[in-house]
N, C-alpha and C. Protein backbone atom coordinates (compact mmCIF):
# COMPACT_ATOMS: atom_id res chain seq x y z
N UNK A 1 -2.50 21.12 21.89
CA UNK A 1 -1.92 20.26 20.85
C UNK A 1 -0.75 19.47 21.42
N UNK A 2 -0.60 18.25 20.96
CA UNK A 2 0.48 17.38 21.44
C UNK A 2 1.82 17.92 20.98
N UNK A 3 2.80 17.94 21.89
CA UNK A 3 4.13 18.42 21.54
C UNK A 3 4.94 17.27 20.94
N UNK A 4 5.42 17.47 19.72
CA UNK A 4 6.21 16.45 19.04
C UNK A 4 7.58 17.03 18.77
N UNK A 5 8.61 16.41 19.32
CA UNK A 5 9.97 16.93 19.17
C UNK A 5 10.52 16.76 17.78
N UNK A 6 11.60 17.48 17.49
CA UNK A 6 12.21 17.46 16.16
C UNK A 6 12.68 16.08 15.77
N UNK A 7 13.22 15.32 16.71
CA UNK A 7 13.79 14.01 16.39
C UNK A 7 12.78 12.87 16.46
N UNK A 8 11.49 13.17 16.53
CA UNK A 8 10.48 12.13 16.67
C UNK A 8 10.38 11.27 15.42
N UNK A 9 10.08 9.99 15.65
CA UNK A 9 9.89 9.08 14.51
C UNK A 9 8.53 9.32 13.89
N UNK A 10 8.35 8.81 12.66
CA UNK A 10 7.06 8.96 11.99
C UNK A 10 5.96 8.24 12.78
N UNK A 11 6.31 7.09 13.37
CA UNK A 11 5.34 6.35 14.17
C UNK A 11 4.86 7.18 15.36
N UNK A 12 5.80 7.87 16.05
CA UNK A 12 5.44 8.72 17.19
C UNK A 12 4.53 9.85 16.74
N UNK A 13 4.87 10.45 15.61
CA UNK A 13 4.07 11.55 15.08
C UNK A 13 2.66 11.06 14.76
N UNK A 14 2.56 9.91 14.07
CA UNK A 14 1.24 9.39 13.70
C UNK A 14 0.42 8.99 14.93
N UNK A 15 1.10 8.45 15.93
CA UNK A 15 0.39 8.08 17.15
C UNK A 15 -0.18 9.32 17.82
N UNK A 16 0.62 10.39 17.84
CA UNK A 16 0.15 11.65 18.42
C UNK A 16 -1.02 12.20 17.63
N UNK A 17 -0.97 12.07 16.31
CA UNK A 17 -2.05 12.57 15.46
C UNK A 17 -3.35 11.81 15.69
N UNK A 18 -3.23 10.53 16.06
CA UNK A 18 -4.42 9.73 16.32
C UNK A 18 -5.24 10.33 17.45
N UNK A 19 -4.55 10.94 18.42
CA UNK A 19 -5.25 11.51 19.57
C UNK A 19 -5.38 13.02 19.49
N UNK A 20 -4.92 13.62 18.40
CA UNK A 20 -5.00 15.07 18.26
C UNK A 20 -6.40 15.49 17.86
N UNK A 21 -6.80 16.73 18.20
CA UNK A 21 -8.10 17.23 17.75
C UNK A 21 -8.18 17.22 16.23
N UNK A 22 -9.38 17.02 15.71
CA UNK A 22 -9.56 16.90 14.27
C UNK A 22 -9.05 18.11 13.51
N UNK A 23 -9.19 19.31 14.07
CA UNK A 23 -8.73 20.52 13.39
C UNK A 23 -7.23 20.49 13.15
N UNK A 24 -6.48 19.86 14.05
CA UNK A 24 -5.03 19.83 13.92
C UNK A 24 -4.57 18.79 12.91
N UNK A 25 -5.50 17.96 12.41
CA UNK A 25 -5.14 16.93 11.45
C UNK A 25 -5.14 17.44 10.01
N UNK A 26 -5.57 18.64 9.78
CA UNK A 26 -5.65 19.17 8.43
C UNK A 26 -4.29 19.73 8.03
N UNK A 27 -3.56 18.96 7.19
CA UNK A 27 -2.23 19.36 6.77
C UNK A 27 -2.13 19.25 5.26
N UNK A 28 -2.30 20.32 4.50
CA UNK A 28 -2.26 20.22 3.05
C UNK A 28 -0.89 19.82 2.53
N UNK A 29 -0.89 19.04 1.44
CA UNK A 29 0.36 18.53 0.88
C UNK A 29 1.20 19.62 0.24
N UNK A 30 0.62 20.79 -0.04
CA UNK A 30 1.39 21.85 -0.68
C UNK A 30 2.59 22.26 0.16
N UNK A 31 2.50 22.07 1.47
CA UNK A 31 3.62 22.41 2.34
C UNK A 31 4.66 21.29 2.36
N UNK A 32 4.37 20.21 1.67
CA UNK A 32 5.25 19.05 1.69
C UNK A 32 6.04 18.93 0.39
N UNK A 33 7.30 18.50 0.48
CA UNK A 33 8.08 18.30 -0.75
C UNK A 33 7.53 17.19 -1.63
N UNK A 34 6.67 16.32 -1.07
CA UNK A 34 6.11 15.24 -1.87
C UNK A 34 5.14 15.76 -2.93
N UNK A 35 4.59 16.97 -2.73
CA UNK A 35 3.67 17.53 -3.71
C UNK A 35 4.29 17.62 -5.10
N UNK A 36 5.54 18.06 -5.17
CA UNK A 36 6.24 18.16 -6.46
C UNK A 36 6.49 16.78 -7.05
N UNK A 37 6.81 15.81 -6.21
CA UNK A 37 7.07 14.45 -6.69
C UNK A 37 5.79 13.83 -7.27
N UNK A 38 4.67 14.10 -6.64
CA UNK A 38 3.39 13.60 -7.14
C UNK A 38 3.07 14.25 -8.49
N UNK A 39 3.22 15.54 -8.56
CA UNK A 39 2.92 16.27 -9.81
C UNK A 39 3.85 15.84 -10.96
N UNK A 40 5.03 15.34 -10.63
CA UNK A 40 5.99 14.93 -11.66
C UNK A 40 5.68 13.56 -12.27
N UNK A 41 4.76 12.80 -11.67
CA UNK A 41 4.43 11.49 -12.23
C UNK A 41 3.81 11.68 -13.61
N UNK A 42 4.23 10.87 -14.59
CA UNK A 42 3.82 11.10 -15.98
C UNK A 42 2.32 10.98 -16.23
N UNK A 43 1.59 10.23 -15.42
CA UNK A 43 0.16 10.05 -15.63
C UNK A 43 -0.67 10.87 -14.66
N UNK A 44 -0.02 11.70 -13.84
CA UNK A 44 -0.78 12.51 -12.87
C UNK A 44 -1.43 13.66 -13.61
N UNK A 45 -2.76 13.63 -13.71
CA UNK A 45 -3.47 14.62 -14.52
C UNK A 45 -4.51 15.44 -13.76
N UNK A 46 -4.64 15.20 -12.47
CA UNK A 46 -5.61 15.97 -11.69
C UNK A 46 -4.98 16.38 -10.36
N UNK A 47 -4.99 17.66 -10.03
CA UNK A 47 -4.40 18.08 -8.76
C UNK A 47 -5.04 17.35 -7.58
N UNK A 48 -4.22 17.12 -6.58
CA UNK A 48 -4.73 16.48 -5.37
C UNK A 48 -4.16 17.23 -4.17
N UNK A 49 -5.01 17.54 -3.22
CA UNK A 49 -4.59 18.16 -1.97
C UNK A 49 -4.73 17.11 -0.88
N UNK A 50 -3.61 16.73 -0.31
CA UNK A 50 -3.62 15.70 0.71
C UNK A 50 -3.97 16.30 2.06
N UNK A 51 -4.99 15.74 2.68
CA UNK A 51 -5.43 16.20 3.99
C UNK A 51 -5.59 14.99 4.89
N UNK A 52 -4.78 14.92 5.93
CA UNK A 52 -4.89 13.80 6.87
C UNK A 52 -6.12 13.99 7.74
N UNK A 53 -6.85 12.90 7.92
CA UNK A 53 -8.04 12.93 8.77
C UNK A 53 -8.09 11.67 9.62
N UNK A 54 -8.91 11.71 10.64
CA UNK A 54 -9.10 10.51 11.46
C UNK A 54 -9.73 9.39 10.64
N UNK A 55 -10.67 9.75 9.77
CA UNK A 55 -11.30 8.75 8.92
C UNK A 55 -10.26 8.09 8.02
N UNK A 56 -9.39 8.87 7.41
CA UNK A 56 -8.34 8.32 6.56
C UNK A 56 -7.42 7.39 7.34
N UNK A 57 -7.10 7.77 8.55
CA UNK A 57 -6.24 6.94 9.40
C UNK A 57 -6.94 5.61 9.73
N UNK A 58 -8.21 5.69 10.04
CA UNK A 58 -8.98 4.49 10.35
C UNK A 58 -9.09 3.57 9.12
N UNK A 59 -9.38 4.16 7.95
CA UNK A 59 -9.47 3.38 6.73
C UNK A 59 -8.11 2.75 6.37
N UNK A 60 -7.06 3.48 6.66
CA UNK A 60 -5.70 2.99 6.40
C UNK A 60 -5.43 1.74 7.23
N UNK A 61 -5.76 1.78 8.49
CA UNK A 61 -5.55 0.62 9.37
C UNK A 61 -6.38 -0.57 8.89
N UNK A 62 -7.63 -0.29 8.52
CA UNK A 62 -8.52 -1.35 8.04
C UNK A 62 -7.94 -2.02 6.80
N UNK A 63 -7.39 -1.23 5.87
CA UNK A 63 -6.80 -1.78 4.65
C UNK A 63 -5.58 -2.65 4.97
N UNK A 64 -4.74 -2.15 5.87
CA UNK A 64 -3.55 -2.94 6.23
C UNK A 64 -3.96 -4.27 6.85
N UNK A 65 -4.93 -4.25 7.76
CA UNK A 65 -5.37 -5.48 8.40
C UNK A 65 -6.01 -6.43 7.38
N UNK A 66 -6.77 -5.89 6.43
CA UNK A 66 -7.33 -6.74 5.38
C UNK A 66 -6.24 -7.37 4.52
N UNK A 67 -5.21 -6.59 4.21
CA UNK A 67 -4.10 -7.11 3.41
C UNK A 67 -3.44 -8.28 4.13
N UNK A 68 -3.17 -8.11 5.43
CA UNK A 68 -2.55 -9.19 6.20
C UNK A 68 -3.45 -10.43 6.24
N UNK A 69 -4.73 -10.22 6.46
CA UNK A 69 -5.66 -11.35 6.55
C UNK A 69 -5.77 -12.07 5.21
N UNK A 70 -5.84 -11.31 4.15
CA UNK A 70 -5.99 -11.89 2.81
C UNK A 70 -4.72 -12.63 2.41
N UNK A 71 -3.57 -12.14 2.86
CA UNK A 71 -2.29 -12.75 2.48
C UNK A 71 -2.04 -14.05 3.22
N UNK A 72 -2.70 -14.27 4.34
CA UNK A 72 -2.42 -15.45 5.16
C UNK A 72 -2.56 -16.75 4.38
N UNK A 73 -3.64 -16.89 3.61
CA UNK A 73 -3.84 -18.13 2.84
C UNK A 73 -2.76 -18.30 1.78
N UNK A 74 -2.31 -17.20 1.20
CA UNK A 74 -1.24 -17.27 0.19
C UNK A 74 0.06 -17.68 0.85
N UNK A 75 0.34 -17.07 1.99
CA UNK A 75 1.57 -17.37 2.73
C UNK A 75 1.63 -18.83 3.16
N UNK A 76 0.47 -19.38 3.48
CA UNK A 76 0.39 -20.77 3.92
C UNK A 76 0.38 -21.76 2.77
N UNK A 77 0.40 -21.27 1.53
CA UNK A 77 0.42 -22.13 0.37
C UNK A 77 -0.92 -22.76 0.03
N UNK A 78 -2.01 -22.15 0.50
CA UNK A 78 -3.34 -22.72 0.26
C UNK A 78 -3.91 -22.35 -1.10
N UNK A 79 -3.36 -21.31 -1.73
CA UNK A 79 -3.86 -20.89 -3.04
C UNK A 79 -3.01 -21.61 -4.08
N UNK A 80 -3.56 -22.64 -4.68
CA UNK A 80 -2.79 -23.52 -5.55
C UNK A 80 -2.69 -23.02 -6.99
N UNK A 81 -3.80 -22.53 -7.53
CA UNK A 81 -3.80 -22.11 -8.93
C UNK A 81 -2.88 -20.90 -9.11
N UNK A 82 -1.88 -20.97 -10.00
CA UNK A 82 -0.91 -19.87 -10.12
C UNK A 82 -1.52 -18.56 -10.60
N UNK A 83 -2.52 -18.61 -11.47
CA UNK A 83 -3.16 -17.37 -11.93
C UNK A 83 -3.96 -16.73 -10.79
N UNK A 84 -4.68 -17.58 -10.05
CA UNK A 84 -5.46 -17.08 -8.92
C UNK A 84 -4.53 -16.49 -7.86
N UNK A 85 -3.37 -17.13 -7.66
CA UNK A 85 -2.40 -16.62 -6.68
C UNK A 85 -1.93 -15.22 -7.08
N UNK A 86 -1.62 -15.01 -8.36
CA UNK A 86 -1.19 -13.68 -8.81
C UNK A 86 -2.30 -12.65 -8.65
N UNK A 87 -3.53 -13.05 -8.95
CA UNK A 87 -4.67 -12.15 -8.77
C UNK A 87 -4.80 -11.76 -7.30
N UNK A 88 -4.72 -12.74 -6.41
CA UNK A 88 -4.86 -12.46 -4.98
C UNK A 88 -3.68 -11.66 -4.43
N UNK A 89 -2.48 -11.93 -4.92
CA UNK A 89 -1.32 -11.12 -4.51
C UNK A 89 -1.52 -9.67 -4.94
N UNK A 90 -2.07 -9.48 -6.14
CA UNK A 90 -2.37 -8.12 -6.60
C UNK A 90 -3.32 -7.41 -5.65
N UNK A 91 -4.33 -8.11 -5.19
CA UNK A 91 -5.27 -7.52 -4.22
C UNK A 91 -4.54 -7.15 -2.94
N UNK A 92 -3.70 -8.06 -2.44
CA UNK A 92 -2.96 -7.81 -1.19
C UNK A 92 -2.05 -6.58 -1.34
N UNK A 93 -1.32 -6.51 -2.44
CA UNK A 93 -0.41 -5.38 -2.65
C UNK A 93 -1.19 -4.07 -2.76
N UNK A 94 -2.32 -4.11 -3.46
CA UNK A 94 -3.11 -2.89 -3.59
C UNK A 94 -3.69 -2.46 -2.25
N UNK A 95 -4.13 -3.41 -1.45
CA UNK A 95 -4.62 -3.08 -0.11
C UNK A 95 -3.50 -2.46 0.74
N UNK A 96 -2.31 -3.07 0.67
CA UNK A 96 -1.19 -2.55 1.46
C UNK A 96 -0.79 -1.15 1.03
N UNK A 97 -0.66 -0.95 -0.27
CA UNK A 97 -0.26 0.37 -0.77
C UNK A 97 -1.33 1.41 -0.51
N UNK A 98 -2.60 1.03 -0.64
CA UNK A 98 -3.66 2.00 -0.37
C UNK A 98 -3.72 2.34 1.11
N UNK A 99 -3.23 1.45 1.97
CA UNK A 99 -3.15 1.78 3.39
C UNK A 99 -2.28 3.02 3.59
N UNK A 100 -1.14 3.05 2.91
CA UNK A 100 -0.28 4.24 2.99
C UNK A 100 -0.95 5.44 2.35
N UNK A 101 -1.53 5.26 1.17
CA UNK A 101 -2.13 6.39 0.46
C UNK A 101 -3.25 7.03 1.28
N UNK A 102 -4.10 6.22 1.88
CA UNK A 102 -5.18 6.76 2.71
C UNK A 102 -4.61 7.43 3.96
N UNK A 103 -3.54 6.88 4.48
CA UNK A 103 -2.92 7.43 5.69
C UNK A 103 -2.39 8.84 5.46
N UNK A 104 -1.82 9.10 4.28
CA UNK A 104 -1.23 10.42 4.03
C UNK A 104 -2.23 11.42 3.46
N UNK A 105 -3.45 10.96 3.15
CA UNK A 105 -4.48 11.92 2.77
C UNK A 105 -5.14 11.75 1.42
N UNK A 106 -4.71 10.76 0.61
CA UNK A 106 -5.46 10.46 -0.60
C UNK A 106 -6.81 9.90 -0.17
N UNK A 107 -7.84 10.15 -0.96
CA UNK A 107 -9.15 9.58 -0.62
C UNK A 107 -9.38 8.30 -1.41
N UNK A 108 -10.27 7.50 -0.89
CA UNK A 108 -10.61 6.24 -1.55
C UNK A 108 -11.18 6.51 -2.94
N UNK A 109 -12.02 7.52 -3.05
CA UNK A 109 -12.64 7.86 -4.35
C UNK A 109 -11.57 8.28 -5.35
N UNK A 110 -10.61 9.10 -4.90
CA UNK A 110 -9.55 9.56 -5.79
C UNK A 110 -8.72 8.36 -6.28
N UNK A 111 -8.39 7.47 -5.36
CA UNK A 111 -7.59 6.28 -5.73
C UNK A 111 -8.34 5.39 -6.72
N UNK A 112 -9.64 5.21 -6.50
CA UNK A 112 -10.42 4.39 -7.42
C UNK A 112 -10.42 4.98 -8.82
N UNK A 113 -10.47 6.30 -8.90
CA UNK A 113 -10.53 6.97 -10.20
C UNK A 113 -9.18 7.02 -10.90
N UNK A 114 -8.10 7.20 -10.14
CA UNK A 114 -6.79 7.45 -10.74
C UNK A 114 -5.80 6.29 -10.64
N UNK A 115 -6.06 5.34 -9.77
CA UNK A 115 -5.15 4.21 -9.59
C UNK A 115 -5.81 2.91 -10.03
N UNK A 116 -7.03 2.67 -9.58
CA UNK A 116 -7.75 1.46 -9.96
C UNK A 116 -7.02 0.20 -9.54
N UNK A 117 -6.82 -0.71 -10.48
CA UNK A 117 -6.17 -2.00 -10.20
C UNK A 117 -4.69 -1.99 -10.59
N UNK A 118 -4.14 -0.82 -10.81
CA UNK A 118 -2.77 -0.70 -11.31
C UNK A 118 -1.79 -0.62 -10.13
N UNK A 119 -1.14 -1.72 -9.83
CA UNK A 119 -0.25 -1.80 -8.67
C UNK A 119 0.97 -0.90 -8.84
N UNK A 120 1.53 -0.83 -10.04
CA UNK A 120 2.73 0.00 -10.24
C UNK A 120 2.39 1.48 -10.07
N UNK A 121 1.20 1.87 -10.49
CA UNK A 121 0.79 3.27 -10.31
C UNK A 121 0.59 3.57 -8.82
N UNK A 122 -0.01 2.63 -8.12
CA UNK A 122 -0.20 2.78 -6.68
C UNK A 122 1.14 2.92 -5.98
N UNK A 123 2.11 2.09 -6.39
CA UNK A 123 3.46 2.16 -5.81
C UNK A 123 4.10 3.51 -6.11
N UNK A 124 3.95 3.99 -7.34
CA UNK A 124 4.53 5.29 -7.70
C UNK A 124 3.95 6.42 -6.86
N UNK A 125 2.63 6.43 -6.68
CA UNK A 125 2.00 7.46 -5.85
C UNK A 125 2.45 7.32 -4.39
N UNK A 126 2.57 6.08 -3.93
CA UNK A 126 3.02 5.87 -2.54
C UNK A 126 4.43 6.41 -2.35
N UNK A 127 5.35 6.05 -3.24
CA UNK A 127 6.74 6.51 -3.11
C UNK A 127 6.85 8.02 -3.28
N UNK A 128 6.03 8.60 -4.14
CA UNK A 128 6.05 10.06 -4.33
C UNK A 128 5.53 10.79 -3.10
N UNK A 129 4.79 10.09 -2.26
CA UNK A 129 4.24 10.71 -1.05
C UNK A 129 4.93 10.21 0.22
N UNK A 130 6.18 9.75 0.07
CA UNK A 130 7.00 9.47 1.24
C UNK A 130 7.05 8.03 1.71
N UNK A 131 6.55 7.09 0.94
CA UNK A 131 6.52 5.69 1.37
C UNK A 131 7.92 5.08 1.44
N UNK A 132 8.76 5.39 0.46
CA UNK A 132 10.16 4.97 0.50
C UNK A 132 10.41 3.49 0.34
N UNK A 133 9.72 2.84 -0.59
CA UNK A 133 9.94 1.41 -0.83
C UNK A 133 10.54 1.26 -2.22
N UNK A 134 11.85 1.33 -2.30
CA UNK A 134 12.56 1.23 -3.57
C UNK A 134 13.19 -0.14 -3.67
N UNK A 135 12.68 -0.97 -4.58
CA UNK A 135 13.16 -2.33 -4.73
C UNK A 135 12.89 -2.75 -6.17
N UNK A 136 13.95 -2.99 -6.93
CA UNK A 136 13.81 -3.30 -8.35
C UNK A 136 13.01 -4.58 -8.58
N UNK A 137 13.19 -5.59 -7.73
CA UNK A 137 12.44 -6.83 -7.88
C UNK A 137 10.95 -6.60 -7.64
N UNK A 138 10.65 -5.76 -6.65
CA UNK A 138 9.24 -5.45 -6.39
C UNK A 138 8.65 -4.63 -7.54
N UNK A 139 9.42 -3.70 -8.08
CA UNK A 139 8.95 -2.92 -9.24
C UNK A 139 8.57 -3.86 -10.38
N UNK A 140 9.39 -4.89 -10.60
CA UNK A 140 9.11 -5.86 -11.66
C UNK A 140 7.81 -6.61 -11.37
N UNK A 141 7.64 -7.06 -10.13
CA UNK A 141 6.43 -7.78 -9.75
C UNK A 141 5.20 -6.88 -9.93
N UNK A 142 5.30 -5.63 -9.48
CA UNK A 142 4.18 -4.70 -9.59
C UNK A 142 3.82 -4.45 -11.05
N UNK A 143 4.82 -4.40 -11.91
CA UNK A 143 4.58 -4.20 -13.34
C UNK A 143 3.89 -5.42 -13.94
N UNK A 144 4.33 -6.60 -13.56
CA UNK A 144 3.73 -7.84 -14.06
C UNK A 144 2.26 -7.92 -13.64
N UNK A 145 1.96 -7.51 -12.42
CA UNK A 145 0.61 -7.63 -11.90
C UNK A 145 -0.34 -6.55 -12.41
N UNK A 146 0.16 -5.49 -12.97
CA UNK A 146 -0.69 -4.34 -13.31
C UNK A 146 -1.31 -4.46 -14.70
N UNK A 147 -2.62 -4.27 -14.77
CA UNK A 147 -3.59 -4.27 -13.67
C UNK A 147 -3.84 -5.71 -13.19
N UNK A 148 -3.97 -5.88 -11.89
CA UNK A 148 -4.00 -7.24 -11.37
C UNK A 148 -5.27 -8.01 -11.77
N UNK A 149 -6.31 -7.31 -12.20
CA UNK A 149 -7.54 -7.97 -12.62
C UNK A 149 -7.34 -8.91 -13.80
N UNK A 150 -6.30 -8.67 -14.60
CA UNK A 150 -6.06 -9.53 -15.77
C UNK A 150 -5.75 -10.97 -15.37
N UNK A 151 -5.27 -11.18 -14.14
CA UNK A 151 -4.91 -12.53 -13.70
C UNK A 151 -6.12 -13.32 -13.23
N UNK A 152 -7.26 -12.66 -13.08
CA UNK A 152 -8.48 -13.39 -12.69
C UNK A 152 -9.00 -14.21 -13.86
N UNK A 153 -8.96 -13.62 -15.06
CA UNK A 153 -9.38 -14.32 -16.28
C UNK A 153 -8.26 -14.18 -17.29
N UNK A 154 -7.17 -14.93 -17.09
CA UNK A 154 -5.99 -14.76 -17.94
C UNK A 154 -6.22 -15.18 -19.38
N UNK A 155 -5.50 -14.54 -20.27
CA UNK A 155 -5.49 -14.92 -21.68
C UNK A 155 -4.52 -16.09 -21.86
N UNK A 156 -4.66 -16.82 -22.96
CA UNK A 156 -3.72 -17.94 -23.20
C UNK A 156 -2.26 -17.51 -23.21
N UNK A 157 -2.01 -16.24 -23.53
CA UNK A 157 -0.62 -15.74 -23.57
C UNK A 157 -0.08 -15.39 -22.18
N UNK A 158 -0.97 -15.31 -21.17
CA UNK A 158 -0.54 -14.98 -19.81
C UNK A 158 -0.07 -16.26 -19.11
N UNK A 159 1.14 -16.67 -19.44
CA UNK A 159 1.68 -17.93 -18.93
C UNK A 159 2.57 -17.68 -17.70
N UNK A 160 2.14 -18.20 -16.56
CA UNK A 160 2.87 -18.01 -15.31
C UNK A 160 4.28 -18.57 -15.41
N UNK A 161 4.41 -19.69 -16.11
CA UNK A 161 5.73 -20.33 -16.19
C UNK A 161 6.75 -19.48 -16.96
N UNK A 162 6.28 -18.49 -17.73
CA UNK A 162 7.19 -17.61 -18.47
C UNK A 162 7.61 -16.38 -17.67
N UNK A 163 7.03 -16.20 -16.49
CA UNK A 163 7.30 -14.98 -15.71
C UNK A 163 8.69 -15.05 -15.07
N UNK A 164 9.35 -13.90 -14.93
CA UNK A 164 10.69 -13.88 -14.34
C UNK A 164 10.70 -13.90 -12.80
N UNK A 165 9.55 -14.13 -12.17
CA UNK A 165 9.50 -14.23 -10.71
C UNK A 165 8.80 -15.54 -10.34
N UNK A 166 9.32 -16.21 -9.33
CA UNK A 166 8.73 -17.47 -8.87
C UNK A 166 7.66 -17.19 -7.81
N UNK A 167 6.90 -18.22 -7.48
CA UNK A 167 5.88 -18.09 -6.43
C UNK A 167 6.54 -17.73 -5.10
N UNK A 168 7.69 -18.31 -4.81
CA UNK A 168 8.39 -18.01 -3.55
C UNK A 168 8.90 -16.57 -3.53
N UNK A 169 9.45 -16.10 -4.64
CA UNK A 169 9.89 -14.71 -4.70
C UNK A 169 8.71 -13.76 -4.52
N UNK A 170 7.59 -14.12 -5.12
CA UNK A 170 6.38 -13.30 -4.98
C UNK A 170 5.95 -13.23 -3.52
N UNK A 171 5.99 -14.36 -2.85
CA UNK A 171 5.62 -14.39 -1.43
C UNK A 171 6.55 -13.53 -0.59
N UNK A 172 7.85 -13.64 -0.84
CA UNK A 172 8.85 -12.87 -0.08
C UNK A 172 8.68 -11.37 -0.32
N UNK A 173 8.46 -10.99 -1.56
CA UNK A 173 8.30 -9.57 -1.89
C UNK A 173 7.01 -9.01 -1.29
N UNK A 174 5.96 -9.81 -1.29
CA UNK A 174 4.69 -9.35 -0.70
C UNK A 174 4.83 -9.18 0.80
N UNK A 175 5.51 -10.11 1.45
CA UNK A 175 5.74 -9.98 2.89
C UNK A 175 6.57 -8.74 3.20
N UNK A 176 7.60 -8.48 2.38
CA UNK A 176 8.44 -7.29 2.58
C UNK A 176 7.61 -6.02 2.46
N UNK A 177 6.71 -5.97 1.49
CA UNK A 177 5.86 -4.79 1.30
C UNK A 177 4.95 -4.59 2.51
N UNK A 178 4.31 -5.66 2.98
CA UNK A 178 3.40 -5.53 4.12
C UNK A 178 4.15 -5.12 5.39
N UNK A 179 5.33 -5.66 5.59
CA UNK A 179 6.13 -5.25 6.75
C UNK A 179 6.51 -3.79 6.65
N UNK A 180 6.79 -3.32 5.44
CA UNK A 180 7.13 -1.91 5.25
C UNK A 180 5.92 -1.01 5.51
N UNK A 181 4.75 -1.44 5.06
CA UNK A 181 3.52 -0.68 5.34
C UNK A 181 3.33 -0.55 6.84
N UNK A 182 3.50 -1.64 7.55
CA UNK A 182 3.35 -1.61 9.01
C UNK A 182 4.36 -0.64 9.64
N UNK A 183 5.60 -0.69 9.17
CA UNK A 183 6.64 0.19 9.71
C UNK A 183 6.32 1.67 9.44
N UNK A 184 5.93 1.96 8.21
CA UNK A 184 5.71 3.37 7.83
C UNK A 184 4.45 3.93 8.47
N UNK A 185 3.37 3.17 8.50
CA UNK A 185 2.12 3.69 9.06
C UNK A 185 2.07 3.60 10.57
N UNK A 186 2.82 2.66 11.14
CA UNK A 186 2.76 2.47 12.59
C UNK A 186 1.57 1.66 13.04
N UNK A 187 0.83 1.06 12.11
CA UNK A 187 -0.33 0.24 12.50
C UNK A 187 0.13 -1.04 13.19
N UNK A 188 -0.60 -1.48 14.19
CA UNK A 188 -0.26 -2.77 14.81
C UNK A 188 -0.68 -3.91 13.91
N UNK A 189 -0.12 -5.07 14.14
CA UNK A 189 -0.55 -6.25 13.40
C UNK A 189 -2.02 -6.54 13.76
N UNK A 190 -2.74 -7.22 12.87
CA UNK A 190 -4.13 -7.59 13.20
C UNK A 190 -4.18 -8.51 14.42
N UNK A 191 -5.27 -8.46 15.13
CA UNK A 191 -5.45 -9.33 16.30
C UNK A 191 -5.32 -10.79 15.87
N UNK A 192 -4.55 -11.57 16.59
CA UNK A 192 -4.38 -12.98 16.31
C UNK A 192 -3.27 -13.29 15.30
N UNK A 193 -2.58 -12.25 14.79
CA UNK A 193 -1.55 -12.46 13.76
C UNK A 193 -0.43 -13.34 14.29
N UNK A 194 0.05 -13.04 15.50
CA UNK A 194 1.17 -13.81 16.06
C UNK A 194 0.82 -15.28 16.24
N UNK A 195 -0.40 -15.56 16.68
CA UNK A 195 -0.81 -16.95 16.88
C UNK A 195 -0.88 -17.69 15.55
N UNK A 196 -1.37 -17.01 14.50
CA UNK A 196 -1.48 -17.66 13.20
C UNK A 196 -0.13 -17.92 12.58
N UNK A 197 0.87 -17.05 12.91
CA UNK A 197 2.19 -17.17 12.29
C UNK A 197 3.19 -17.88 13.18
N UNK A 198 2.74 -18.47 14.27
CA UNK A 198 3.64 -19.17 15.20
C UNK A 198 4.15 -20.46 14.56
């Protein structure tokens, strides 16, 4: 087994886990203080045992890369319709947050059943499991977007101009979230990211 020192960063630990034997990747959440935080969420109604696996790590990286790729058009200002932009930002945020959730051991099936399109719920589960992204402006954005599917076919009362966040603030908050996902998971940027953002 790889020796990981006491002062190691989370990125170092995760990198070591990537190359560790599969048997050593089984770490139940009951040994973690995050288990109590997850159980304390008001809508948490089904026990979950978090088990890190190579598959979860791979799916986590795939989600992060998809989030970055999907966000590129939004970042470049190519998504003009404000409702469509909110819908797509919701997808990006959910992809980014699920990258963390899959990384720490939630399964895709569990997330689909208990989180769905609810960005604020995804954020709550992420923070309860060690994500550490506390930002009041982002909480507001996540609440506005939840569930993000409503912005695909908005009602007449869903007026973007009445929202307390601008398109630029939304872009900045989304970039901050994706950068935090990258920092916490240790995933590299997608291939070609630097060239696209030059």
